[in-house]
Amino acid sequence: MKGLETYQEMAVTTQNRGRLIVLLHDGAIKFLKLAIKGIDDGDMETKGLYINKALAIIDELNTVLDMEAGGEVAVNLRQLYIFMTKHLNAANMKKDPQKIDEVIKLLEELNQGWKAIS
C-alpha cells in the first residue's frame, strides 16, 4: 500500500502546471457531484464535507493566480472563482443542488480549456 501512495504522490509532483490544474478541476467536480448525492440522500454532513473540499480547491486555484503575468485572463478567472465560492456557500446553506450543478458546469468548461492547452 505504501508503494501506491508513493506512486500517487510522485505522479502529482511531477505533473506540469497545466496538468495539475486539470487534476484540481477534476477533483472539485468529483467532490461537488458527491455533495449533490449527499443532498439527494438527505445526508447533510456529506454535502457539507464535499462542498468544503471543493471550496478548498477553488480557493487554491484562486490563490495561485499570477495577477501580473496573467493579465485580463487572471482577473476574469479570479472573478469566476469568487463567484463559484459565493454560489457554493449559498448552495451549502440552502441545500440547493442546482447551484452546485451550475458550478460543476463552469468547472467542466474551464477544464476543457485547460485540457486543450496542457
N, C-alpha and C. Protein backbone atom coordinates (compact mmCIF):
# COMPACT_ATOMS: atom_id res chain seq x y z
N MET A 1 0.82 -1.18 0.00
CA MET A 1 0.00 0.00 0.00
C MET A 1 0.87 1.25 0.00
N LYS A 2 2.00 1.19 0.69
CA LYS A 2 2.92 2.34 0.74
C LYS A 2 3.43 2.67 -0.66
N GLY A 3 3.66 1.67 -1.47
CA GLY A 3 4.13 1.88 -2.83
C GLY A 3 3.13 2.65 -3.67
N LEU A 4 1.84 2.34 -3.51
CA LEU A 4 0.78 3.03 -4.23
C LEU A 4 0.73 4.50 -3.82
N GLU A 5 0.83 4.77 -2.52
CA GLU A 5 0.83 6.15 -2.03
C GLU A 5 2.02 6.93 -2.58
N THR A 6 3.18 6.30 -2.61
CA THR A 6 4.38 6.95 -3.15
C THR A 6 4.21 7.24 -4.63
N TYR A 7 3.66 6.28 -5.37
CA TYR A 7 3.42 6.48 -6.80
C TYR A 7 2.47 7.65 -7.04
N GLN A 8 1.36 7.69 -6.28
CA GLN A 8 0.39 8.76 -6.46
C GLN A 8 1.01 10.12 -6.14
N GLU A 9 1.81 10.20 -5.09
CA GLU A 9 2.46 11.45 -4.74
C GLU A 9 3.43 11.88 -5.84
N MET A 10 4.19 10.94 -6.36
CA MET A 10 5.14 11.25 -7.43
C MET A 10 4.41 11.69 -8.69
N ALA A 11 3.29 11.04 -8.98
CA ALA A 11 2.52 11.40 -10.18
C ALA A 11 2.06 12.84 -10.11
N VAL A 12 1.65 13.28 -8.93
CA VAL A 12 1.18 14.66 -8.77
C VAL A 12 2.35 15.64 -8.80
N THR A 13 3.43 15.33 -8.12
CA THR A 13 4.54 16.28 -8.01
C THR A 13 5.33 16.42 -9.30
N THR A 14 5.18 15.49 -10.24
CA THR A 14 5.94 15.59 -11.49
C THR A 14 5.09 16.09 -12.65
N GLN A 15 3.85 16.42 -12.43
CA GLN A 15 2.99 16.93 -13.49
C GLN A 15 3.33 18.37 -13.83
N ASN A 16 3.09 18.77 -15.08
CA ASN A 16 3.28 20.18 -15.41
C ASN A 16 2.11 20.99 -14.82
N ARG A 17 2.29 22.28 -14.78
CA ARG A 17 1.31 23.16 -14.14
C ARG A 17 -0.09 23.02 -14.73
N GLY A 18 -0.19 22.97 -16.05
CA GLY A 18 -1.50 22.83 -16.69
C GLY A 18 -2.18 21.54 -16.31
N ARG A 19 -1.41 20.46 -16.27
CA ARG A 19 -1.98 19.16 -15.91
C ARG A 19 -2.45 19.16 -14.45
N LEU A 20 -1.70 19.83 -13.57
CA LEU A 20 -2.12 19.92 -12.17
C LEU A 20 -3.43 20.68 -12.04
N ILE A 21 -3.60 21.72 -12.84
CA ILE A 21 -4.85 22.48 -12.80
C ILE A 21 -6.01 21.60 -13.26
N VAL A 22 -5.77 20.79 -14.29
CA VAL A 22 -6.79 19.85 -14.74
C VAL A 22 -7.16 18.88 -13.61
N LEU A 23 -6.15 18.36 -12.92
CA LEU A 23 -6.41 17.44 -11.81
C LEU A 23 -7.20 18.11 -10.69
N LEU A 24 -6.88 19.37 -10.41
CA LEU A 24 -7.62 20.11 -9.37
C LEU A 24 -9.08 20.32 -9.79
N HIS A 25 -9.29 20.70 -11.04
CA HIS A 25 -10.66 20.85 -11.53
C HIS A 25 -11.40 19.52 -11.44
N ASP A 26 -10.74 18.44 -11.86
CA ASP A 26 -11.37 17.10 -11.79
C ASP A 26 -11.78 16.78 -10.36
N GLY A 27 -10.89 17.09 -9.41
CA GLY A 27 -11.20 16.81 -8.01
C GLY A 27 -12.38 17.63 -7.52
N ALA A 28 -12.41 18.91 -7.84
CA ALA A 28 -13.53 19.77 -7.40
C ALA A 28 -14.84 19.27 -8.00
N ILE A 29 -14.82 18.90 -9.26
CA ILE A 29 -16.03 18.39 -9.92
C ILE A 29 -16.50 17.11 -9.24
N LYS A 30 -15.56 16.21 -8.96
CA LYS A 30 -15.91 14.96 -8.29
C LYS A 30 -16.53 15.24 -6.92
N PHE A 31 -15.92 16.13 -6.15
CA PHE A 31 -16.44 16.44 -4.82
C PHE A 31 -17.83 17.07 -4.90
N LEU A 32 -18.05 17.93 -5.88
CA LEU A 32 -19.36 18.58 -5.99
C LEU A 32 -20.44 17.58 -6.40
N LYS A 33 -20.09 16.62 -7.22
CA LYS A 33 -21.06 15.57 -7.56
C LYS A 33 -21.40 14.74 -6.33
N LEU A 34 -20.41 14.49 -5.48
CA LEU A 34 -20.67 13.76 -4.24
C LEU A 34 -21.51 14.60 -3.28
N ALA A 35 -21.34 15.91 -3.31
CA ALA A 35 -22.17 16.80 -2.47
C ALA A 35 -23.63 16.73 -2.92
N ILE A 36 -23.85 16.72 -4.23
CA ILE A 36 -25.22 16.60 -4.74
C ILE A 36 -25.82 15.26 -4.31
N LYS A 37 -25.03 14.21 -4.38
CA LYS A 37 -25.51 12.90 -3.93
C LYS A 37 -25.87 12.96 -2.45
N GLY A 38 -25.06 13.67 -1.66
CA GLY A 38 -25.38 13.83 -0.25
C GLY A 38 -26.72 14.52 -0.04
N ILE A 39 -26.99 15.55 -0.81
CA ILE A 39 -28.28 16.24 -0.72
C ILE A 39 -29.40 15.29 -1.11
N ASP A 40 -29.22 14.58 -2.23
CA ASP A 40 -30.25 13.64 -2.70
C ASP A 40 -30.53 12.55 -1.68
N ASP A 41 -29.48 12.14 -0.95
CA ASP A 41 -29.63 11.09 0.06
C ASP A 41 -30.08 11.63 1.42
N GLY A 42 -30.21 12.95 1.53
CA GLY A 42 -30.57 13.56 2.81
C GLY A 42 -29.43 13.56 3.81
N ASP A 43 -28.21 13.41 3.33
CA ASP A 43 -27.02 13.35 4.19
C ASP A 43 -26.32 14.71 4.15
N MET A 44 -26.71 15.59 5.06
CA MET A 44 -26.20 16.96 5.03
C MET A 44 -24.74 17.03 5.50
N GLU A 45 -24.30 16.07 6.28
CA GLU A 45 -22.90 16.04 6.69
C GLU A 45 -22.01 15.78 5.47
N THR A 46 -22.40 14.82 4.66
CA THR A 46 -21.66 14.52 3.43
C THR A 46 -21.68 15.72 2.49
N LYS A 47 -22.84 16.32 2.33
CA LYS A 47 -22.97 17.51 1.48
C LYS A 47 -21.98 18.57 1.90
N GLY A 48 -21.97 18.90 3.18
CA GLY A 48 -21.08 19.93 3.69
C GLY A 48 -19.61 19.57 3.54
N LEU A 49 -19.28 18.32 3.81
CA LEU A 49 -17.90 17.86 3.69
C LEU A 49 -17.37 18.05 2.27
N TYR A 50 -18.15 17.62 1.29
CA TYR A 50 -17.67 17.68 -0.09
C TYR A 50 -17.73 19.08 -0.69
N ILE A 51 -18.69 19.87 -0.28
CA ILE A 51 -18.68 21.27 -0.73
C ILE A 51 -17.43 21.96 -0.18
N ASN A 52 -17.11 21.71 1.07
CA ASN A 52 -15.92 22.32 1.67
C ASN A 52 -14.63 21.86 0.98
N LYS A 53 -14.58 20.61 0.58
CA LYS A 53 -13.40 20.12 -0.15
C LYS A 53 -13.27 20.84 -1.49
N ALA A 54 -14.39 20.99 -2.19
CA ALA A 54 -14.38 21.70 -3.47
C ALA A 54 -14.00 23.17 -3.27
N LEU A 55 -14.53 23.78 -2.21
CA LEU A 55 -14.19 25.18 -1.91
C LEU A 55 -12.70 25.33 -1.65
N ALA A 56 -12.10 24.37 -0.98
CA ALA A 56 -10.66 24.44 -0.72
C ALA A 56 -9.87 24.40 -2.02
N ILE A 57 -10.30 23.59 -2.96
CA ILE A 57 -9.63 23.52 -4.26
C ILE A 57 -9.79 24.83 -5.01
N ILE A 58 -11.01 25.35 -5.03
CA ILE A 58 -11.27 26.61 -5.73
C ILE A 58 -10.46 27.73 -5.10
N ASP A 59 -10.37 27.73 -3.78
CA ASP A 59 -9.57 28.75 -3.09
C ASP A 59 -8.10 28.63 -3.49
N GLU A 60 -7.59 27.42 -3.60
CA GLU A 60 -6.20 27.23 -4.01
C GLU A 60 -5.99 27.71 -5.44
N LEU A 61 -6.91 27.37 -6.33
CA LEU A 61 -6.81 27.84 -7.71
C LEU A 61 -6.79 29.37 -7.77
N ASN A 62 -7.61 29.99 -6.95
CA ASN A 62 -7.68 31.45 -6.90
C ASN A 62 -6.39 32.04 -6.33
N THR A 63 -5.89 31.43 -5.29
CA THR A 63 -4.70 31.93 -4.59
C THR A 63 -3.46 31.91 -5.48
N VAL A 64 -3.31 30.91 -6.31
CA VAL A 64 -2.09 30.77 -7.11
C VAL A 64 -2.12 31.55 -8.43
N LEU A 65 -3.21 32.25 -8.69
CA LEU A 65 -3.27 33.05 -9.92
C LEU A 65 -2.16 34.11 -9.90
N ASP A 66 -1.46 34.21 -11.00
CA ASP A 66 -0.42 35.23 -11.15
C ASP A 66 -1.07 36.43 -11.82
N MET A 67 -1.49 37.39 -11.00
CA MET A 67 -2.26 38.52 -11.50
C MET A 67 -1.43 39.43 -12.41
N GLU A 68 -0.14 39.51 -12.19
CA GLU A 68 0.70 40.36 -13.05
C GLU A 68 0.91 39.72 -14.41
N ALA A 69 1.34 38.48 -14.43
CA ALA A 69 1.63 37.81 -15.69
C ALA A 69 0.35 37.39 -16.42
N GLY A 70 -0.71 37.13 -15.66
CA GLY A 70 -1.94 36.61 -16.25
C GLY A 70 -2.83 37.64 -16.89
N GLY A 71 -2.62 38.90 -16.55
CA GLY A 71 -3.40 39.97 -17.15
C GLY A 71 -4.90 39.80 -17.00
N GLU A 72 -5.61 40.09 -18.09
CA GLU A 72 -7.07 40.05 -18.08
C GLU A 72 -7.62 38.65 -17.82
N VAL A 73 -6.91 37.63 -18.31
CA VAL A 73 -7.35 36.25 -18.08
C VAL A 73 -7.36 35.94 -16.59
N ALA A 74 -6.30 36.33 -15.89
CA ALA A 74 -6.22 36.09 -14.45
C ALA A 74 -7.31 36.86 -13.71
N VAL A 75 -7.57 38.08 -14.12
CA VAL A 75 -8.64 38.88 -13.49
C VAL A 75 -9.98 38.19 -13.68
N ASN A 76 -10.25 37.72 -14.89
CA ASN A 76 -11.51 37.03 -15.16
C ASN A 76 -11.63 35.72 -14.39
N LEU A 77 -10.53 34.98 -14.30
CA LEU A 77 -10.56 33.73 -13.52
C LEU A 77 -10.81 34.03 -12.05
N ARG A 78 -10.17 35.06 -11.52
CA ARG A 78 -10.39 35.42 -10.12
C ARG A 78 -11.86 35.73 -9.87
N GLN A 79 -12.46 36.51 -10.76
CA GLN A 79 -13.88 36.85 -10.61
C GLN A 79 -14.75 35.59 -10.68
N LEU A 80 -14.38 34.68 -11.56
CA LEU A 80 -15.13 33.43 -11.68
C LEU A 80 -14.99 32.57 -10.43
N TYR A 81 -13.78 32.47 -9.90
CA TYR A 81 -13.58 31.69 -8.68
C TYR A 81 -14.33 32.32 -7.49
N ILE A 82 -14.36 33.63 -7.42
CA ILE A 82 -15.11 34.31 -6.35
C ILE A 82 -16.61 34.02 -6.51
N PHE A 83 -17.10 34.08 -7.73
CA PHE A 83 -18.50 33.76 -7.99
C PHE A 83 -18.80 32.32 -7.56
N MET A 84 -17.93 31.38 -7.94
CA MET A 84 -18.14 29.97 -7.57
C MET A 84 -18.19 29.81 -6.06
N THR A 85 -17.30 30.49 -5.36
CA THR A 85 -17.26 30.40 -3.90
C THR A 85 -18.56 30.90 -3.30
N LYS A 86 -19.03 32.04 -3.74
CA LYS A 86 -20.29 32.59 -3.23
C LYS A 86 -21.45 31.65 -3.56
N HIS A 87 -21.45 31.14 -4.77
CA HIS A 87 -22.53 30.25 -5.21
C HIS A 87 -22.54 28.96 -4.38
N LEU A 88 -21.36 28.41 -4.11
CA LEU A 88 -21.30 27.17 -3.32
C LEU A 88 -21.66 27.41 -1.87
N ASN A 89 -21.28 28.56 -1.32
CA ASN A 89 -21.68 28.88 0.05
C ASN A 89 -23.20 28.98 0.16
N ALA A 90 -23.81 29.62 -0.84
CA ALA A 90 -25.28 29.71 -0.85
C ALA A 90 -25.90 28.32 -1.02
N ALA A 91 -25.33 27.52 -1.90
CA ALA A 91 -25.84 26.16 -2.12
C ALA A 91 -25.75 25.33 -0.85
N ASN A 92 -24.66 25.51 -0.12
CA ASN A 92 -24.47 24.77 1.13
C ASN A 92 -25.54 25.16 2.15
N MET A 93 -25.77 26.45 2.28
CA MET A 93 -26.76 26.92 3.26
C MET A 93 -28.18 26.52 2.86
N LYS A 94 -28.49 26.60 1.57
CA LYS A 94 -29.86 26.34 1.10
C LYS A 94 -30.10 24.90 0.67
N LYS A 95 -29.02 24.09 0.73
CA LYS A 95 -29.11 22.69 0.29
C LYS A 95 -29.64 22.62 -1.14
N ASP A 96 -29.02 23.42 -2.02
CA ASP A 96 -29.50 23.62 -3.39
C ASP A 96 -28.60 22.91 -4.40
N PRO A 97 -29.02 21.74 -4.88
CA PRO A 97 -28.19 21.01 -5.85
C PRO A 97 -28.07 21.73 -7.19
N GLN A 98 -29.04 22.57 -7.53
CA GLN A 98 -28.98 23.29 -8.81
C GLN A 98 -27.81 24.28 -8.82
N LYS A 99 -27.58 24.96 -7.71
CA LYS A 99 -26.45 25.90 -7.61
C LYS A 99 -25.13 25.14 -7.73
N ILE A 100 -25.07 23.98 -7.11
CA ILE A 100 -23.86 23.16 -7.20
C ILE A 100 -23.64 22.73 -8.64
N ASP A 101 -24.71 22.32 -9.31
CA ASP A 101 -24.60 21.88 -10.69
C ASP A 101 -24.13 23.02 -11.60
N GLU A 102 -24.55 24.24 -11.32
CA GLU A 102 -24.10 25.39 -12.11
C GLU A 102 -22.58 25.58 -11.98
N VAL A 103 -22.05 25.38 -10.78
CA VAL A 103 -20.61 25.49 -10.57
C VAL A 103 -19.89 24.33 -11.27
N ILE A 104 -20.47 23.14 -11.21
CA ILE A 104 -19.88 22.00 -11.92
C ILE A 104 -19.74 22.32 -13.40
N LYS A 105 -20.79 22.87 -13.99
CA LYS A 105 -20.75 23.20 -15.42
C LYS A 105 -19.64 24.21 -15.73
N LEU A 106 -19.49 25.21 -14.88
CA LEU A 106 -18.42 26.19 -15.07
C LEU A 106 -17.04 25.53 -14.98
N LEU A 107 -16.87 24.68 -13.97
CA LEU A 107 -15.59 23.99 -13.80
C LEU A 107 -15.30 23.07 -14.98
N GLU A 108 -16.32 22.38 -15.48
CA GLU A 108 -16.13 21.50 -16.62
C GLU A 108 -15.72 22.29 -17.86
N GLU A 109 -16.33 23.45 -18.05
CA GLU A 109 -15.98 24.29 -19.20
C GLU A 109 -14.53 24.78 -19.08
N LEU A 110 -14.16 25.26 -17.91
CA LEU A 110 -12.78 25.68 -17.69
C LEU A 110 -11.82 24.51 -17.91
N ASN A 111 -12.21 23.36 -17.42
CA ASN A 111 -11.34 22.18 -17.50
C ASN A 111 -11.10 21.78 -18.95
N GLN A 112 -12.11 21.91 -19.79
CA GLN A 112 -11.93 21.58 -21.20
C GLN A 112 -10.84 22.48 -21.82
N GLY A 113 -10.86 23.75 -21.46
CA GLY A 113 -9.85 24.67 -21.95
C GLY A 113 -8.46 24.29 -21.47
N TRP A 114 -8.34 23.95 -20.18
CA TRP A 114 -7.04 23.55 -19.64
C TRP A 114 -6.55 22.26 -20.28
N LYS A 115 -7.46 21.33 -20.52
CA LYS A 115 -7.07 20.07 -21.16
C LYS A 115 -6.54 20.32 -22.57
N ALA A 116 -7.14 21.28 -23.25
CA ALA A 116 -6.72 21.57 -24.62
C ALA A 116 -5.33 22.17 -24.69
N ILE A 117 -4.93 22.93 -23.65
CA ILE A 117 -3.62 23.59 -23.70
C ILE A 117 -2.53 22.88 -22.92
N SER A 118 -2.90 21.84 -22.17
CA SER A 118 -1.86 21.17 -21.37
C SER A 118 -1.49 19.81 -21.94
